[in-house]
Amino acid sequence: ENSDALPFYEQAGKASPEKISALVKLHRLSAFQLANDEKITEAIEELEKARKLDPKNIYILNRLGEMHMSIETPDFNIAKELISKSIKLCPSSSESYISLGRIYRK
């Protein structure tokens, strides 16, 4: 289970703060767990922490966009901006195009 992995990533980040990937993974897993618990606002906060550490991570940008479409009052402008940024970074990401299509379906 993902929540079992969190302490290990947290420890890795403390042991080697320069190893940003462990901290990014920690925030991503925390966001995943929070989203599963339907705590979308808190999940967005975790992904924003990951984004600060790795601003060109297309997975993070795409998930943030998806979550902005899932909050109680969806913000499609922010979602579009984030997902468009992920497409600009990786034009071959089919997942990002699918997410962008969801915005236009709404």
PDB file of N, CA and C in Angstrom:
ATOM      1  N   GLU A   1       0.843  -1.185   0.000  1.00  0.00           N
ATOM      2  CA  GLU A   1       0.000   0.000   0.000  1.00  0.00           C
ATOM      3  C   GLU A   1       0.883   1.241   0.000  1.00  0.00           C
ATOM      4  N   ASN A   2       0.448   2.272  -0.705  1.00  0.00           N
ATOM      5  CA  ASN A   2       1.246   3.486  -0.838  1.00  0.00           C
ATOM      6  C   ASN A   2       1.552   4.151   0.487  1.00  0.00           C
ATOM      7  N   SER A   3       0.611   4.152   1.424  1.00  0.00           N
ATOM      8  CA  SER A   3       0.852   4.818   2.697  1.00  0.00           C
ATOM      9  C   SER A   3       1.976   4.153   3.472  1.00  0.00           C
ATOM     10  N   ASP A   4       2.234   2.873   3.228  1.00  0.00           N
ATOM     11  CA  ASP A   4       3.341   2.179   3.884  1.00  0.00           C
ATOM     12  C   ASP A   4       4.688   2.694   3.400  1.00  0.00           C
ATOM     13  N   ALA A   5       4.740   3.215   2.196  1.00  0.00           N
ATOM     14  CA  ALA A   5       6.003   3.690   1.620  1.00  0.00           C
ATOM     15  C   ALA A   5       6.379   5.086   2.100  1.00  0.00           C
ATOM     16  N   LEU A   6       5.415   5.861   2.561  1.00  0.00           N
ATOM     17  CA  LEU A   6       5.669   7.254   2.913  1.00  0.00           C
ATOM     18  C   LEU A   6       6.809   7.447   3.908  1.00  0.00           C
ATOM     19  N   PRO A   7       6.862   6.708   5.017  1.00  0.00           N
ATOM     20  CA  PRO A   7       7.956   6.936   5.975  1.00  0.00           C
ATOM     21  C   PRO A   7       9.341   6.723   5.375  1.00  0.00           C
ATOM     22  N   PHE A   8       9.457   5.796   4.447  1.00  0.00           N
ATOM     23  CA  PHE A   8      10.757   5.529   3.839  1.00  0.00           C
ATOM     24  C   PHE A   8      11.204   6.686   2.947  1.00  0.00           C
ATOM     25  N   TYR A   9      10.280   7.242   2.174  1.00  0.00           N
ATOM     26  CA  TYR A   9      10.628   8.384   1.337  1.00  0.00           C
ATOM     27  C   TYR A   9      10.930   9.608   2.196  1.00  0.00           C
ATOM     28  N   GLU A  10      10.192   9.764   3.275  1.00  0.00           N
ATOM     29  CA  GLU A  10      10.425  10.868   4.193  1.00  0.00           C
ATOM     30  C   GLU A  10      11.829  10.774   4.781  1.00  0.00           C
ATOM     31  N   GLN A  11      12.204   9.571   5.200  1.00  0.00           N
ATOM     32  CA  GLN A  11      13.532   9.352   5.767  1.00  0.00           C
ATOM     33  C   GLN A  11      14.623   9.617   4.729  1.00  0.00           C
ATOM     34  N   ALA A  12      14.394   9.206   3.508  1.00  0.00           N
ATOM     35  CA  ALA A  12      15.377   9.443   2.444  1.00  0.00           C
ATOM     36  C   ALA A  12      15.583  10.938   2.225  1.00  0.00           C
ATOM     37  N   GLY A  13      14.516  11.693   2.273  1.00  0.00           N
ATOM     38  CA  GLY A  13      14.608  13.142   2.107  1.00  0.00           C
ATOM     39  C   GLY A  13      15.363  13.800   3.242  1.00  0.00           C
ATOM     40  N   LYS A  14      15.194  13.296   4.469  1.00  0.00           N
ATOM     41  CA  LYS A  14      15.913  13.840   5.620  1.00  0.00           C
ATOM     42  C   LYS A  14      17.386  13.462   5.567  1.00  0.00           C
ATOM     43  N   ALA A  15      17.663  12.236   5.159  1.00  0.00           N
ATOM     44  CA  ALA A  15      19.046  11.757   5.122  1.00  0.00           C
ATOM     45  C   ALA A  15      19.853  12.466   4.038  1.00  0.00           C
ATOM     46  N   SER A  16      19.245  12.765   2.922  1.00  0.00           N
ATOM     47  CA  SER A  16      19.933  13.407   1.791  1.00  0.00           C
ATOM     48  C   SER A  16      19.049  14.491   1.190  1.00  0.00           C
ATOM     49  N   PRO A  17      19.009  15.660   1.830  1.00  0.00           N
ATOM     50  CA  PRO A  17      18.126  16.713   1.311  1.00  0.00           C
ATOM     51  C   PRO A  17      18.387  17.072  -0.147  1.00  0.00           C
ATOM     52  N   GLU A  18      19.618  16.831  -0.630  1.00  0.00           N
ATOM     53  CA  GLU A  18      19.908  17.149  -2.021  1.00  0.00           C
ATOM     54  C   GLU A  18      19.244  16.165  -2.976  1.00  0.00           C
ATOM     55  N   LYS A  19      18.752  15.078  -2.462  1.00  0.00           N
ATOM     56  CA  LYS A  19      18.059  14.084  -3.292  1.00  0.00           C
ATOM     57  C   LYS A  19      16.588  14.475  -3.400  1.00  0.00           C
ATOM     58  N   ILE A  20      16.339  15.422  -4.233  1.00  0.00           N
ATOM     59  CA  ILE A  20      14.998  15.987  -4.365  1.00  0.00           C
ATOM     60  C   ILE A  20      13.981  14.960  -4.837  1.00  0.00           C
ATOM     61  N   SER A  21      14.405  13.996  -5.618  1.00  0.00           N
ATOM     62  CA  SER A  21      13.445  13.033  -6.160  1.00  0.00           C
ATOM     63  C   SER A  21      12.716  12.273  -5.055  1.00  0.00           C
ATOM     64  N   ALA A  22      13.391  11.999  -3.935  1.00  0.00           N
ATOM     65  CA  ALA A  22      12.724  11.308  -2.824  1.00  0.00           C
ATOM     66  C   ALA A  22      11.633  12.187  -2.225  1.00  0.00           C
ATOM     67  N   LEU A  23      11.913  13.482  -2.097  1.00  0.00           N
ATOM     68  CA  LEU A  23      10.908  14.397  -1.553  1.00  0.00           C
ATOM     69  C   LEU A  23       9.744  14.575  -2.520  1.00  0.00           C
ATOM     70  N   VAL A  24      10.052  14.643  -3.799  1.00  0.00           N
ATOM     71  CA  VAL A  24       8.991  14.752  -4.809  1.00  0.00           C
ATOM     72  C   VAL A  24       8.089  13.530  -4.725  1.00  0.00           C
ATOM     73  N   LYS A  25       8.698  12.363  -4.632  1.00  0.00           N
ATOM     74  CA  LYS A  25       7.917  11.128  -4.547  1.00  0.00           C
ATOM     75  C   LYS A  25       7.070  11.115  -3.273  1.00  0.00           C
ATOM     76  N   LEU A  26       7.618  11.601  -2.170  1.00  0.00           N
ATOM     77  CA  LEU A  26       6.876  11.689  -0.913  1.00  0.00           C
ATOM     78  C   LEU A  26       5.618  12.538  -1.095  1.00  0.00           C
ATOM     79  N   HIS A  27       5.777  13.710  -1.693  1.00  0.00           N
ATOM     80  CA  HIS A  27       4.622  14.590  -1.894  1.00  0.00           C
ATOM     81  C   HIS A  27       3.616  13.984  -2.871  1.00  0.00           C
ATOM     82  N   ARG A  28       4.115  13.310  -3.907  1.00  0.00           N
ATOM     83  CA  ARG A  28       3.204  12.653  -4.861  1.00  0.00           C
ATOM     84  C   ARG A  28       2.401  11.554  -4.181  1.00  0.00           C
ATOM     85  N   LEU A  29       3.071  10.736  -3.370  1.00  0.00           N
ATOM     86  CA  LEU A  29       2.364   9.651  -2.676  1.00  0.00           C
ATOM     87  C   LEU A  29       1.375  10.201  -1.656  1.00  0.00           C
ATOM     88  N   SER A  30       1.776  11.259  -0.960  1.00  0.00           N
ATOM     89  CA  SER A  30       0.857  11.894  -0.010  1.00  0.00           C
ATOM     90  C   SER A  30      -0.377  12.414  -0.737  1.00  0.00           C
ATOM     91  N   ALA A  31      -0.152  13.043  -1.890  1.00  0.00           N
ATOM     92  CA  ALA A  31      -1.269  13.567  -2.682  1.00  0.00           C
ATOM     93  C   ALA A  31      -2.180  12.441  -3.146  1.00  0.00           C
ATOM     94  N   PHE A  32      -1.592  11.340  -3.588  1.00  0.00           N
ATOM     95  CA  PHE A  32      -2.366  10.184  -4.037  1.00  0.00           C
ATOM     96  C   PHE A  32      -3.255   9.670  -2.901  1.00  0.00           C
ATOM     97  N   GLN A  33      -2.665   9.541  -1.710  1.00  0.00           N
ATOM     98  CA  GLN A  33      -3.416   9.046  -0.554  1.00  0.00           C
ATOM     99  C   GLN A  33      -4.544  10.011  -0.181  1.00  0.00           C
ATOM    100  N   LEU A  34      -4.234  11.301  -0.166  1.00  0.00           N
ATOM    101  CA  LEU A  34      -5.250  12.304   0.161  1.00  0.00           C
ATOM    102  C   LEU A  34      -6.380  12.307  -0.868  1.00  0.00           C
ATOM    103  N   ALA A  35      -6.038  12.183  -2.136  1.00  0.00           N
ATOM    104  CA  ALA A  35      -7.065  12.140  -3.185  1.00  0.00           C
ATOM    105  C   ALA A  35      -7.949  10.912  -3.015  1.00  0.00           C
ATOM    106  N   ASN A  36      -7.344   9.783  -2.655  1.00  0.00           N
ATOM    107  CA  ASN A  36      -8.135   8.571  -2.404  1.00  0.00           C
ATOM    108  C   ASN A  36      -9.089   8.756  -1.236  1.00  0.00           C
ATOM    109  N   ASP A  37      -8.684   9.593  -0.284  1.00  0.00           N
ATOM    110  CA  ASP A  37      -9.534   9.890   0.873  1.00  0.00           C
ATOM    111  C   ASP A  37     -10.473  11.060   0.589  1.00  0.00           C
ATOM    112  N   GLU A  38     -10.542  11.469  -0.688  1.00  0.00           N
ATOM    113  CA  GLU A  38     -11.399  12.564  -1.152  1.00  0.00           C
ATOM    114  C   GLU A  38     -11.060  13.904  -0.499  1.00  0.00           C
ATOM    115  N   LYS A  39      -9.788  14.094  -0.189  1.00  0.00           N
ATOM    116  CA  LYS A  39      -9.287  15.358   0.357  1.00  0.00           C
ATOM    117  C   LYS A  39      -8.505  16.056  -0.757  1.00  0.00           C
ATOM    118  N   ILE A  40      -9.245  16.520  -1.747  1.00  0.00           N
ATOM    119  CA  ILE A  40      -8.643  17.049  -2.969  1.00  0.00           C
ATOM    120  C   ILE A  40      -7.847  18.327  -2.708  1.00  0.00           C
ATOM    121  N   THR A  41      -8.362  19.220  -1.879  1.00  0.00           N
ATOM    122  CA  THR A  41      -7.643  20.465  -1.599  1.00  0.00           C
ATOM    123  C   THR A  41      -6.288  20.183  -0.972  1.00  0.00           C
ATOM    124  N   GLU A  42      -6.254  19.242  -0.020  1.00  0.00           N
ATOM    125  CA  GLU A  42      -4.989  18.876   0.620  1.00  0.00           C
ATOM    126  C   GLU A  42      -4.063  18.169  -0.376  1.00  0.00           C
ATOM    127  N   ALA A  43      -4.639  17.379  -1.260  1.00  0.00           N
ATOM    128  CA  ALA A  43      -3.841  16.700  -2.289  1.00  0.00           C
ATOM    129  C   ALA A  43      -3.195  17.730  -3.218  1.00  0.00           C
ATOM    130  N   ILE A  44      -3.940  18.762  -3.567  1.00  0.00           N
ATOM    131  CA  ILE A  44      -3.392  19.836  -4.402  1.00  0.00           C
ATOM    132  C   ILE A  44      -2.215  20.504  -3.692  1.00  0.00           C
ATOM    133  N   GLU A  45      -2.356  20.741  -2.392  1.00  0.00           N
ATOM    134  CA  GLU A  45      -1.268  21.356  -1.622  1.00  0.00           C
ATOM    135  C   GLU A  45      -0.005  20.496  -1.673  1.00  0.00           C
ATOM    136  N   GLU A  46      -0.161  19.190  -1.551  1.00  0.00           N
ATOM    137  CA  GLU A  46       0.997  18.285  -1.614  1.00  0.00           C
ATOM    138  C   GLU A  46       1.642  18.316  -2.997  1.00  0.00           C
ATOM    139  N   LEU A  47       0.825  18.320  -4.030  1.00  0.00           N
ATOM    140  CA  LEU A  47       1.379  18.369  -5.385  1.00  0.00           C
ATOM    141  C   LEU A  47       2.053  19.709  -5.672  1.00  0.00           C
ATOM    142  N   GLU A  48       1.552  20.780  -5.077  1.00  0.00           N
ATOM    143  CA  GLU A  48       2.209  22.084  -5.243  1.00  0.00           C
ATOM    144  C   GLU A  48       3.594  22.060  -4.595  1.00  0.00           C
ATOM    145  N   LYS A  49       3.723  21.370  -3.469  1.00  0.00           N
ATOM    146  CA  LYS A  49       5.044  21.220  -2.833  1.00  0.00           C
ATOM    147  C   LYS A  49       5.981  20.458  -3.761  1.00  0.00           C
ATOM    148  N   ALA A  50       5.480  19.411  -4.370  1.00  0.00           N
ATOM    149  CA  ALA A  50       6.288  18.628  -5.313  1.00  0.00           C
ATOM    150  C   ALA A  50       6.650  19.482  -6.526  1.00  0.00           C
ATOM    151  N   ARG A  51       5.714  20.277  -6.981  1.00  0.00           N
ATOM    152  CA  ARG A  51       5.945  21.134  -8.157  1.00  0.00           C
ATOM    153  C   ARG A  51       7.038  22.162  -7.891  1.00  0.00           C
ATOM    154  N   LYS A  52       7.091  22.688  -6.668  1.00  0.00           N
ATOM    155  CA  LYS A  52       8.151  23.640  -6.325  1.00  0.00           C
ATOM    156  C   LYS A  52       9.525  22.986  -6.419  1.00  0.00           C
ATOM    157  N   LEU A  53       9.586  21.710  -6.083  1.00  0.00           N
ATOM    158  CA  LEU A  53      10.853  20.980  -6.141  1.00  0.00           C
ATOM    159  C   LEU A  53      11.206  20.541  -7.558  1.00  0.00           C
ATOM    160  N   ASP A  54      10.182  20.270  -8.360  1.00  0.00           N
ATOM    161  CA  ASP A  54      10.390  19.739  -9.714  1.00  0.00           C
ATOM    162  C   ASP A  54       9.376  20.385 -10.669  1.00  0.00           C
ATOM    163  N   PRO A  55       9.594  21.667 -11.010  1.00  0.00           N
ATOM    164  CA  PRO A  55       8.587  22.417 -11.770  1.00  0.00           C
ATOM    165  C   PRO A  55       8.346  21.939 -13.199  1.00  0.00           C
ATOM    166  N   LYS A  56       9.206  21.093 -13.733  1.00  0.00           N
ATOM    167  CA  LYS A  56       9.022  20.614 -15.105  1.00  0.00           C
ATOM    168  C   LYS A  56       8.536  19.172 -15.158  1.00  0.00           C
ATOM    169  N   ASN A  57       8.048  18.671 -14.045  1.00  0.00           N
ATOM    170  CA  ASN A  57       7.558  17.297 -13.983  1.00  0.00           C
ATOM    171  C   ASN A  57       6.155  17.252 -14.593  1.00  0.00           C
ATOM    172  N   ILE A  58       6.047  16.628 -15.762  1.00  0.00           N
ATOM    173  CA  ILE A  58       4.758  16.631 -16.463  1.00  0.00           C
ATOM    174  C   ILE A  58       3.690  15.842 -15.713  1.00  0.00           C
ATOM    175  N   TYR A  59       4.090  14.807 -14.983  1.00  0.00           N
ATOM    176  CA  TYR A  59       3.109  14.048 -14.200  1.00  0.00           C
ATOM    177  C   TYR A  59       2.459  14.967 -13.167  1.00  0.00           C
ATOM    178  N   ILE A  60       3.294  15.722 -12.458  1.00  0.00           N
ATOM    179  CA  ILE A  60       2.780  16.618 -11.418  1.00  0.00           C
ATOM    180  C   ILE A  60       1.874  17.681 -12.034  1.00  0.00           C
ATOM    181  N   LEU A  61       2.312  18.288 -13.127  1.00  0.00           N
ATOM    182  CA  LEU A  61       1.494  19.314 -13.784  1.00  0.00           C
ATOM    183  C   LEU A  61       0.150  18.749 -14.225  1.00  0.00           C
ATOM    184  N   ASN A  62       0.178  17.572 -14.814  1.00  0.00           N
ATOM    185  CA  ASN A  62      -1.054  16.954 -15.301  1.00  0.00           C
ATOM    186  C   ASN A  62      -1.990  16.599 -14.145  1.00  0.00           C
ATOM    187  N   ARG A  63      -1.438  16.002 -13.091  1.00  0.00           N
ATOM    188  CA  ARG A  63      -2.274  15.623 -11.939  1.00  0.00           C
ATOM    189  C   ARG A  63      -2.863  16.860 -11.269  1.00  0.00           C
ATOM    190  N   LEU A  64      -2.062  17.923 -11.159  1.00  0.00           N
ATOM    191  CA  LEU A  64      -2.587  19.166 -10.590  1.00  0.00           C
ATOM    192  C   LEU A  64      -3.756  19.679 -11.427  1.00  0.00           C
ATOM    193  N   GLY A  65      -3.595  19.653 -12.731  1.00  0.00           N
ATOM    194  CA  GLY A  65      -4.686  20.070 -13.610  1.00  0.00           C
ATOM    195  C   GLY A  65      -5.931  19.226 -13.409  1.00  0.00           C
ATOM    196  N   GLU A  66      -5.737  17.914 -13.350  1.00  0.00           N
ATOM    197  CA  GLU A  66      -6.866  16.997 -13.116  1.00  0.00           C
ATOM    198  C   GLU A  66      -7.560  17.314 -11.790  1.00  0.00           C
ATOM    199  N   MET A  67      -6.761  17.568 -10.757  1.00  0.00           N
ATOM    200  CA  MET A  67      -7.350  17.830  -9.441  1.00  0.00           C
ATOM    201  C   MET A  67      -8.089  19.157  -9.405  1.00  0.00           C
ATOM    202  N   HIS A  68      -7.600  20.138 -10.144  1.00  0.00           N
ATOM    203  CA  HIS A  68      -8.315  21.419 -10.202  1.00  0.00           C
ATOM    204  C   HIS A  68      -9.662  21.263 -10.905  1.00  0.00           C
ATOM    205  N   MET A  69      -9.806  20.226 -11.705  1.00  0.00           N
ATOM    206  CA  MET A  69     -11.111  19.937 -12.318  1.00  0.00           C
ATOM    207  C   MET A  69     -12.010  19.159 -11.359  1.00  0.00           C
ATOM    208  N   SER A  70     -11.412  18.572 -10.306  1.00  0.00           N
ATOM    209  CA  SER A  70     -12.151  17.690  -9.404  1.00  0.00           C
ATOM    210  C   SER A  70     -12.601  18.356  -8.114  1.00  0.00           C
ATOM    211  N   ILE A  71     -12.100  19.558  -7.834  1.00  0.00           N
ATOM    212  CA  ILE A  71     -12.482  20.202  -6.582  1.00  0.00           C
ATOM    213  C   ILE A  71     -13.949  20.613  -6.633  1.00  0.00           C
ATOM    214  N   GLU A  72     -14.480  20.951  -5.469  1.00  0.00           N
ATOM    215  CA  GLU A  72     -15.906  21.267  -5.357  1.00  0.00           C
ATOM    216  C   GLU A  72     -16.327  22.350  -6.354  1.00  0.00           C
ATOM    217  N   THR A  73     -15.516  23.399  -6.464  1.00  0.00           N
ATOM    218  CA  THR A  73     -15.752  24.435  -7.465  1.00  0.00           C
ATOM    219  C   THR A  73     -14.589  24.365  -8.446  1.00  0.00           C
ATOM    220  N   PRO A  74     -14.751  23.606  -9.526  1.00  0.00           N
ATOM    221  CA  PRO A  74     -13.643  23.387 -10.461  1.00  0.00           C
ATOM    222  C   PRO A  74     -13.101  24.691 -11.053  1.00  0.00           C
ATOM    223  N   ASP A  75     -11.792  24.744 -11.204  1.00  0.00           N
ATOM    224  CA  ASP A  75     -11.149  25.896 -11.836  1.00  0.00           C
ATOM    225  C   ASP A  75     -10.525  25.415 -13.143  1.00  0.00           C
ATOM    226  N   PHE A  76     -11.299  25.512 -14.203  1.00  0.00           N
ATOM    227  CA  PHE A  76     -10.869  25.003 -15.498  1.00  0.00           C
ATOM    228  C   PHE A  76      -9.750  25.845 -16.111  1.00  0.00           C
ATOM    229  N   ASN A  77      -9.688  27.134 -15.753  1.00  0.00           N
ATOM    230  CA  ASN A  77      -8.602  27.973 -16.277  1.00  0.00           C
ATOM    231  C   ASN A  77      -7.252  27.521 -15.737  1.00  0.00           C
ATOM    232  N   ILE A  78      -7.185  27.274 -14.436  1.00  0.00           N
ATOM    233  CA  ILE A  78      -5.935  26.782 -13.845  1.00  0.00           C
ATOM    234  C   ILE A  78      -5.617  25.403 -14.402  1.00  0.00           C
ATOM    235  N   ALA A  79      -6.622  24.554 -14.499  1.00  0.00           N
ATOM    236  CA  ALA A  79      -6.410  23.202 -15.037  1.00  0.00           C
ATOM    237  C   ALA A  79      -5.841  23.283 -16.450  1.00  0.00           C
ATOM    238  N   LYS A  80      -6.424  24.139 -17.272  1.00  0.00           N
ATOM    239  CA  LYS A  80      -5.960  24.286 -18.660  1.00  0.00           C
ATOM    240  C   LYS A  80      -4.522  24.794 -18.702  1.00  0.00           C
ATOM    241  N   GLU A  81      -4.201  25.755 -17.859  1.00  0.00           N
ATOM    242  CA  GLU A  81      -2.846  26.314 -17.817  1.00  0.00           C
ATOM    243  C   GLU A  81      -1.817  25.240 -17.436  1.00  0.00           C
ATOM    244  N   LEU A  82      -2.122  24.457 -16.406  1.00  0.00           N
ATOM    245  CA  LEU A  82      -1.200  23.417 -15.943  1.00  0.00           C
ATOM    246  C   LEU A  82      -1.016  22.315 -16.986  1.00  0.00           C
ATOM    247  N   ILE A  83      -2.115  21.860 -17.540  1.00  0.00           N
ATOM    248  CA  ILE A  83      -2.044  20.765 -18.516  1.00  0.00           C
ATOM    249  C   ILE A  83      -1.379  21.244 -19.808  1.00  0.00           C
ATOM    250  N   SER A  84      -1.664  22.465 -20.207  1.00  0.00           N
ATOM    251  CA  SER A  84      -1.006  23.021 -21.396  1.00  0.00           C
ATOM    252  C   SER A  84       0.501  23.121 -21.185  1.00  0.00           C
ATOM    253  N   LYS A  85       0.905  23.471 -19.971  1.00  0.00           N
ATOM    254  CA  LYS A  85       2.328  23.539 -19.649  1.00  0.00           C
ATOM    255  C   LYS A  85       2.972  22.158 -19.762  1.00  0.00           C
ATOM    256  N   SER A  86       2.255  21.117 -19.312  1.00  0.00           N
ATOM    257  CA  SER A  86       2.807  19.758 -19.415  1.00  0.00           C
ATOM    258  C   SER A  86       2.934  19.342 -20.883  1.00  0.00           C
ATOM    259  N   ILE A  87       1.989  19.755 -21.719  1.00  0.00           N
ATOM    260  CA  ILE A  87       2.056  19.439 -23.153  1.00  0.00           C
ATOM    261  C   ILE A  87       3.229  20.171 -23.804  1.00  0.00           C
ATOM    262  N   LYS A  88       3.439  21.407 -23.397  1.00  0.00           N
ATOM    263  CA  LYS A  88       4.557  22.179 -23.944  1.00  0.00           C
ATOM    264  C   LYS A  88       5.892  21.503 -23.604  1.00  0.00           C
ATOM    265  N   LEU A  89       5.993  20.957 -22.384  1.00  0.00           N
ATOM    266  CA  LEU A  89       7.218  20.278 -21.953  1.00  0.00           C
ATOM    267  C   LEU A  89       7.402  18.924 -22.628  1.00  0.00           C
ATOM    268  N   CYS A  90       6.276  18.245 -22.886  1.00  0.00           N
ATOM    269  CA  CYS A  90       6.352  16.909 -23.489  1.00  0.00           C
ATOM    270  C   CYS A  90       5.184  16.731 -24.462  1.00  0.00           C
ATOM    271  N   PRO A  91       5.350  17.193 -25.698  1.00  0.00           N
ATOM    272  CA  PRO A  91       4.270  17.117 -26.683  1.00  0.00           C
ATOM    273  C   PRO A  91       3.802  15.700 -27.008  1.00  0.00           C
ATOM    274  N   SER A  92       4.569  14.690 -26.631  1.00  0.00           N
ATOM    275  CA  SER A  92       4.176  13.308 -26.937  1.00  0.00           C
ATOM    276  C   SER A  92       3.379  12.651 -25.808  1.00  0.00           C
ATOM    277  N   SER A  93       3.036  13.413 -24.764  1.00  0.00           N
ATOM    278  CA  SER A  93       2.295  12.858 -23.628  1.00  0.00           C
ATOM    279  C   SER A  93       0.806  12.742 -23.950  1.00  0.00           C
ATOM    280  N   SER A  94       0.377  11.554 -24.314  1.00  0.00           N
ATOM    281  CA  SER A  94      -1.034  11.352 -24.659  1.00  0.00           C
ATOM    282  C   SER A  94      -1.939  11.602 -23.454  1.00  0.00           C
ATOM    283  N   GLU A  95      -1.462  11.289 -22.255  1.00  0.00           N
ATOM    284  CA  GLU A  95      -2.266  11.501 -21.043  1.00  0.00           C
ATOM    285  C   GLU A  95      -2.625  12.983 -20.891  1.00  0.00           C
ATOM    286  N   SER A  96      -1.684  13.856 -21.196  1.00  0.00           N
ATOM    287  CA  SER A  96      -1.944  15.292 -21.083  1.00  0.00           C
ATOM    288  C   SER A  96      -2.998  15.749 -22.087  1.00  0.00           C
ATOM    289  N   TYR A  97      -2.946  15.227 -23.300  1.00  0.00           N
ATOM    290  CA  TYR A  97      -3.954  15.585 -24.305  1.00  0.00           C
ATOM    291  C   TYR A  97      -5.340  15.083 -23.899  1.00  0.00           C
ATOM    292  N   ILE A  98      -5.391  13.913 -23.302  1.00  0.00           N
ATOM    293  CA  ILE A  98      -6.673  13.377 -22.823  1.00  0.00           C
ATOM    294  C   ILE A  98      -7.231  14.283 -21.732  1.00  0.00           C
ATOM    295  N   SER A  99      -6.356  14.705 -20.810  1.00  0.00           N
ATOM    296  CA  SER A  99      -6.786  15.612 -19.740  1.00  0.00           C
ATOM    297  C   SER A  99      -7.285  16.934 -20.309  1.00  0.00           C
ATOM    298  N   LEU A 100      -6.582  17.458 -21.301  1.00  0.00           N
ATOM    299  CA  LEU A 100      -7.001  18.711 -21.923  1.00  0.00           C
ATOM    300  C   LEU A 100      -8.364  18.540 -22.601  1.00  0.00           C
ATOM    301  N   GLY A 101      -8.584  17.400 -23.207  1.00  0.00           N
ATOM    302  CA  GLY A 101      -9.881  17.109 -23.814  1.00  0.00           C
ATOM    303  C   GLY A 101     -11.010  17.111 -22.799  1.00  0.00           C
ATOM    304  N   ARG A 102     -10.726  16.638 -21.588  1.00  0.00           N
ATOM    305  CA  ARG A 102     -11.748  16.636 -20.522  1.00  0.00           C
ATOM    306  C   ARG A 102     -12.182  18.056 -20.174  1.00  0.00           C
ATOM    307  N   ILE A 103     -11.233  18.983 -20.234  1.00  0.00           N
ATOM    308  CA  ILE A 103     -11.571  20.381 -19.936  1.00  0.00           C
ATOM    309  C   ILE A 103     -12.583  20.891 -20.955  1.00  0.00           C
ATOM    310  N   TYR A 104     -12.333  20.626 -22.213  1.00  0.00           N
ATOM    311  CA  TYR A 104     -13.221  21.129 -23.268  1.00  0.00           C
ATOM    312  C   TYR A 104     -14.563  20.404 -23.297  1.00  0.00           C
ATOM    313  N   ARG A 105     -14.610  19.195 -22.734  1.00  0.00           N
ATOM    314  CA  ARG A 105     -15.893  18.478 -22.631  1.00  0.00           C
ATOM    315  C   ARG A 105     -16.792  19.114 -21.596  1.00  0.00           C
ATOM    316  N   LYS A 106     -16.214  19.745 -20.610  1.00  0.00           N
ATOM    317  CA  LYS A 106     -17.000  20.354 -19.526  1.00  0.00           C
ATOM    318  C   LYS A 106     -17.632  21.583 -20.049  1.00  0.00           C
TER     319      LYS A 106
END
